[in-house]
Amino acid sequence: MLSEQLLELLACPICHDRLAAAPERDGLVCERCCLVFPVRDGIPVMLPEEAQRISGHEPGAEGQ
């Protein structure tokens, strides 16, 4: 998928939290926003309108 170095540099464009690789979803996941940003041809698409909501999760529910 993406190199660890690149993954360390990327942040969610909405909340600026860290992203985690989600190869099973073909993207990068922001746990805080409950969104998956797609990776197409090895390029992360960091546009909020391209992100998909993780079903069954509400934003900001982690840590509460």
Protein backbone atom coordinates (compact mmCIF):
# COMPACT_ATOMS: atom_id res chain seq x y z
CA MET A 1 0.00 0.00 0.00
CA LEU A 2 1.82 3.15 1.21
CA SER A 3 5.22 3.40 2.82
CA GLU A 4 5.41 3.95 6.58
CA GLN A 5 7.27 7.23 5.96
CA LEU A 6 4.45 8.61 3.84
CA LEU A 7 1.82 7.38 6.27
CA GLU A 8 3.55 9.27 9.09
CA LEU A 9 3.27 12.52 7.12
CA LEU A 10 -0.40 12.24 6.22
CA ALA A 11 -3.19 13.59 8.42
CA CYS A 12 -6.95 13.73 8.15
CA PRO A 13 -7.90 16.90 6.22
CA ILE A 14 -10.89 17.41 8.53
CA CYS A 15 -9.62 16.89 12.09
CA HIS A 16 -5.84 16.69 11.43
CA ASP A 17 -5.59 13.41 13.37
CA ARG A 18 -3.30 10.57 12.25
CA LEU A 19 -4.47 8.14 9.61
CA ALA A 20 -4.04 4.39 9.67
CA ALA A 21 -3.66 2.07 6.71
CA ALA A 22 -6.79 0.07 6.00
CA PRO A 23 -5.86 -2.32 3.18
CA GLU A 24 -9.13 -4.24 3.64
CA ARG A 25 -10.94 -1.01 2.71
CA ASP A 26 -8.41 0.07 0.04
CA GLY A 27 -7.72 3.30 1.86
CA LEU A 28 -6.66 5.25 4.91
CA VAL A 29 -8.90 5.45 7.94
CA CYS A 30 -9.42 8.31 10.38
CA GLU A 31 -10.81 6.74 13.56
CA ARG A 32 -11.78 10.13 14.97
CA CYS A 33 -13.95 11.13 11.99
CA CYS A 34 -14.96 7.54 11.14
CA LEU A 35 -13.96 8.09 7.52
CA VAL A 36 -11.98 6.10 4.98
CA PHE A 37 -10.06 8.06 2.38
CA PRO A 38 -9.44 6.02 -0.79
CA VAL A 39 -6.03 5.19 -2.22
CA ARG A 40 -6.14 4.99 -6.00
CA ASP A 41 -3.16 3.74 -8.00
CA GLY A 42 -1.00 4.22 -4.89
CA ILE A 43 -2.08 7.85 -4.43
CA PRO A 44 -4.11 8.84 -1.35
CA VAL A 45 -7.19 10.89 -2.24
CA MET A 46 -7.48 13.27 0.71
CA LEU A 47 -10.60 15.13 -0.40
CA PRO A 48 -13.39 15.09 2.21
CA GLU A 49 -16.01 14.61 -0.49
CA GLU A 50 -14.27 11.41 -1.63
CA ALA A 51 -14.21 9.85 1.86
CA GLN A 52 -16.63 7.11 2.89
CA ARG A 53 -18.20 6.92 6.35
CA ILE A 54 -17.39 3.77 8.31
CA SER A 55 -20.75 2.11 8.80
CA GLY A 56 -21.91 1.67 12.38
CA HIS A 57 -19.63 4.38 13.76
CA GLU A 58 -20.33 7.93 14.81
CA PRO A 59 -17.63 10.63 14.56
CA GLY A 60 -15.87 11.41 17.82
CA ALA A 61 -17.18 8.29 19.60
CA GLU A 62 -13.69 6.96 20.32
CA GLY A 63 -12.45 7.54 23.83
CA GLN A 64 -15.86 8.32 25.30
